[in-house]
Amino acid sequence: MSIYDFKWSADEKKVARIAFDKAYQREMEEIKNALTEKVKELQNEKDVWALHDYLTERRKLVDRKYDYRYSQLILVFSQLIREGNLSIIELSDLTDDKIELIMKLSSNE
């Protein structure tokens, strides 16, 4: 079975949405904290544009990463676990085959 062919029950969809949203909020908090620090360090107009560039790049990365299509969630969750924004425990109500694959993929890189 391909990772794109998994079926998601209604309960799994709820678990997935909660975990996805929590990971997103954690990443937004991380960006907000980094932004607060960067604003404190602003010295000149060049720093303002560097801040703009930082936010633009983070926005692109976040938009690429947080893809809530069910066909992509296994990969998304694997990446979020690798990066530390999600724990496998938060996905414990998914089926064993999904959890096993997420764990395998999250440890491969």
C-alpha atoms as a PDB file:
ATOM      1  CA  MET A   1       0.000   0.000   0.000  1.00  0.00           C
ATOM      2  CA  SER A   2       1.271   3.457  -0.887  1.00  0.00           C
ATOM      3  CA  ILE A   3       1.379   6.191   1.749  1.00  0.00           C
ATOM      4  CA  TYR A   4      -1.087   8.071  -0.413  1.00  0.00           C
ATOM      5  CA  ASP A   5      -3.670   5.285  -0.184  1.00  0.00           C
ATOM      6  CA  PHE A   6      -4.262   5.212   3.577  1.00  0.00           C
ATOM      7  CA  LYS A   7      -7.860   5.555   4.688  1.00  0.00           C
ATOM      8  CA  TRP A   8      -8.565   7.924   7.562  1.00  0.00           C
ATOM      9  CA  SER A   9     -11.496   7.237   9.901  1.00  0.00           C
ATOM     10  CA  ALA A  10     -13.493  10.125  11.347  1.00  0.00           C
ATOM     11  CA  ASP A  11     -11.747   9.662  14.711  1.00  0.00           C
ATOM     12  CA  GLU A  12      -8.324   9.610  13.062  1.00  0.00           C
ATOM     13  CA  LYS A  13      -9.169  12.774  11.170  1.00  0.00           C
ATOM     14  CA  LYS A  14      -9.948  14.497  14.481  1.00  0.00           C
ATOM     15  CA  VAL A  15      -6.686  13.294  16.036  1.00  0.00           C
ATOM     16  CA  ALA A  16      -4.750  14.353  12.956  1.00  0.00           C
ATOM     17  CA  ARG A  17      -6.316  17.815  12.891  1.00  0.00           C
ATOM     18  CA  ILE A  18      -5.584  18.430  16.579  1.00  0.00           C
ATOM     19  CA  ALA A  19      -1.972  17.274  16.229  1.00  0.00           C
ATOM     20  CA  PHE A  20      -1.482  19.283  13.034  1.00  0.00           C
ATOM     21  CA  ASP A  21      -2.891  22.447  14.613  1.00  0.00           C
ATOM     22  CA  LYS A  22      -0.774  22.045  17.758  1.00  0.00           C
ATOM     23  CA  ALA A  23       2.400  21.614  15.714  1.00  0.00           C
ATOM     24  CA  TYR A  24       1.497  24.665  13.640  1.00  0.00           C
ATOM     25  CA  GLN A  25       0.921  26.737  16.772  1.00  0.00           C
ATOM     26  CA  ARG A  26       4.257  25.604  18.209  1.00  0.00           C
ATOM     27  CA  GLU A  27       6.043  26.667  15.054  1.00  0.00           C
ATOM     28  CA  MET A  28       4.228  30.007  15.021  1.00  0.00           C
ATOM     29  CA  GLU A  29       5.284  30.566  18.635  1.00  0.00           C
ATOM     30  CA  GLU A  30       8.880  29.764  17.687  1.00  0.00           C
ATOM     31  CA  ILE A  31       8.728  32.294  14.839  1.00  0.00           C
ATOM     32  CA  LYS A  32       7.132  34.894  17.091  1.00  0.00           C
ATOM     33  CA  ASN A  33       9.880  34.462  19.685  1.00  0.00           C
ATOM     34  CA  ALA A  34      12.601  34.715  17.046  1.00  0.00           C
ATOM     35  CA  LEU A  35      10.922  37.782  15.607  1.00  0.00           C
ATOM     36  CA  THR A  36      10.774  39.456  19.016  1.00  0.00           C
ATOM     37  CA  GLU A  37      14.511  38.914  19.434  1.00  0.00           C
ATOM     38  CA  LYS A  38      15.276  40.162  15.940  1.00  0.00           C
ATOM     39  CA  VAL A  39      13.200  43.312  16.462  1.00  0.00           C
ATOM     40  CA  LYS A  40      15.165  44.089  19.619  1.00  0.00           C
ATOM     41  CA  GLU A  41      18.368  43.930  17.563  1.00  0.00           C
ATOM     42  CA  LEU A  42      17.243  46.309  14.800  1.00  0.00           C
ATOM     43  CA  GLN A  43      19.908  48.929  14.229  1.00  0.00           C
ATOM     44  CA  ASN A  44      19.264  50.377  10.795  1.00  0.00           C
ATOM     45  CA  GLU A  45      17.162  50.128   7.644  1.00  0.00           C
ATOM     46  CA  LYS A  46      19.253  47.217   6.385  1.00  0.00           C
ATOM     47  CA  ASP A  47      18.166  45.253   9.452  1.00  0.00           C
ATOM     48  CA  VAL A  48      14.515  46.020   8.663  1.00  0.00           C
ATOM     49  CA  TRP A  49      14.852  44.445   5.231  1.00  0.00           C
ATOM     50  CA  ALA A  50      16.726  41.483   6.689  1.00  0.00           C
ATOM     51  CA  LEU A  51      13.776  40.994   9.025  1.00  0.00           C
ATOM     52  CA  HIS A  52      11.435  41.127   6.053  1.00  0.00           C
ATOM     53  CA  ASP A  53      13.552  38.509   4.262  1.00  0.00           C
ATOM     54  CA  TYR A  54      13.515  36.278   7.345  1.00  0.00           C
ATOM     55  CA  LEU A  55       9.726  36.418   7.564  1.00  0.00           C
ATOM     56  CA  THR A  56       9.305  35.831   3.845  1.00  0.00           C
ATOM     57  CA  GLU A  57      11.519  32.750   3.954  1.00  0.00           C
ATOM     58  CA  ARG A  58       9.796  31.347   7.054  1.00  0.00           C
ATOM     59  CA  ARG A  59       6.399  31.915   5.453  1.00  0.00           C
ATOM     60  CA  LYS A  60       7.443  29.938   2.380  1.00  0.00           C
ATOM     61  CA  LEU A  61       8.782  27.085   4.501  1.00  0.00           C
ATOM     62  CA  VAL A  62       5.668  26.941   6.676  1.00  0.00           C
ATOM     63  CA  ASP A  63       3.331  27.083   3.688  1.00  0.00           C
ATOM     64  CA  ARG A  64       5.188  24.181   2.038  1.00  0.00           C
ATOM     65  CA  LYS A  65       5.368  22.107   5.197  1.00  0.00           C
ATOM     66  CA  TYR A  66       1.833  22.375   6.584  1.00  0.00           C
ATOM     67  CA  ASP A  67      -0.137  20.533   3.927  1.00  0.00           C
ATOM     68  CA  TYR A  68      -3.310  19.084   5.431  1.00  0.00           C
ATOM     69  CA  ARG A  69      -4.268  16.824   2.565  1.00  0.00           C
ATOM     70  CA  TYR A  70      -4.769  13.298   3.890  1.00  0.00           C
ATOM     71  CA  SER A  71      -2.546  11.986   1.119  1.00  0.00           C
ATOM     72  CA  GLN A  72       0.315  14.059   2.586  1.00  0.00           C
ATOM     73  CA  LEU A  73      -0.213  13.746   6.341  1.00  0.00           C
ATOM     74  CA  ILE A  74       2.093  10.763   6.858  1.00  0.00           C
ATOM     75  CA  LEU A  75       4.969  12.758   5.349  1.00  0.00           C
ATOM     76  CA  VAL A  76       3.981  15.958   7.144  1.00  0.00           C
ATOM     77  CA  PHE A  77       3.804  14.239  10.525  1.00  0.00           C
ATOM     78  CA  SER A  78       7.137  12.515   9.919  1.00  0.00           C
ATOM     79  CA  GLN A  79       8.797  15.839   9.207  1.00  0.00           C
ATOM     80  CA  LEU A  80       7.176  17.543  12.194  1.00  0.00           C
ATOM     81  CA  ILE A  81       8.410  14.784  14.507  1.00  0.00           C
ATOM     82  CA  ARG A  82      11.938  15.028  13.057  1.00  0.00           C
ATOM     83  CA  GLU A  83      11.911  18.771  13.656  1.00  0.00           C
ATOM     84  CA  GLY A  84      10.561  18.437  17.196  1.00  0.00           C
ATOM     85  CA  ASN A  85       7.249  20.226  16.654  1.00  0.00           C
ATOM     86  CA  LEU A  86       5.217  17.058  17.149  1.00  0.00           C
ATOM     87  CA  SER A  87       5.445  13.951  19.285  1.00  0.00           C
ATOM     88  CA  ILE A  88       4.416  10.462  18.211  1.00  0.00           C
ATOM     89  CA  ILE A  89       2.384  10.314  21.433  1.00  0.00           C
ATOM     90  CA  GLU A  90       0.093  12.989  20.001  1.00  0.00           C
ATOM     91  CA  LEU A  91      -0.701  10.580  17.174  1.00  0.00           C
ATOM     92  CA  SER A  92      -1.197   7.498  19.341  1.00  0.00           C
ATOM     93  CA  ASP A  93      -4.857   7.122  18.330  1.00  0.00           C
ATOM     94  CA  LEU A  94      -3.960   6.543  14.692  1.00  0.00           C
ATOM     95  CA  THR A  95      -3.818   2.984  13.383  1.00  0.00           C
ATOM     96  CA  ASP A  96      -0.649   1.010  14.017  1.00  0.00           C
ATOM     97  CA  ASP A  97       0.324   0.936  10.341  1.00  0.00           C
ATOM     98  CA  LYS A  98       0.235   4.741  10.136  1.00  0.00           C
ATOM     99  CA  ILE A  99       2.193   5.152  13.363  1.00  0.00           C
ATOM    100  CA  GLU A 100       4.813   2.626  12.269  1.00  0.00           C
ATOM    101  CA  LEU A 101       5.315   4.351   8.938  1.00  0.00           C
ATOM    102  CA  ILE A 102       5.459   7.819  10.520  1.00  0.00           C
ATOM    103  CA  MET A 103       8.083   6.587  12.983  1.00  0.00           C
ATOM    104  CA  LYS A 104      10.079   4.905  10.226  1.00  0.00           C
ATOM    105  CA  LEU A 105      10.033   7.985   8.000  1.00  0.00           C
ATOM    106  CA  SER A 106      10.788  10.367  10.851  1.00  0.00           C
ATOM    107  CA  SER A 107      13.978   8.482  11.688  1.00  0.00           C
ATOM    108  CA  ASN A 108      15.252   8.121   8.110  1.00  0.00           C
ATOM    109  CA  GLU A 109      16.732  11.594   7.725  1.00  0.00           C
END
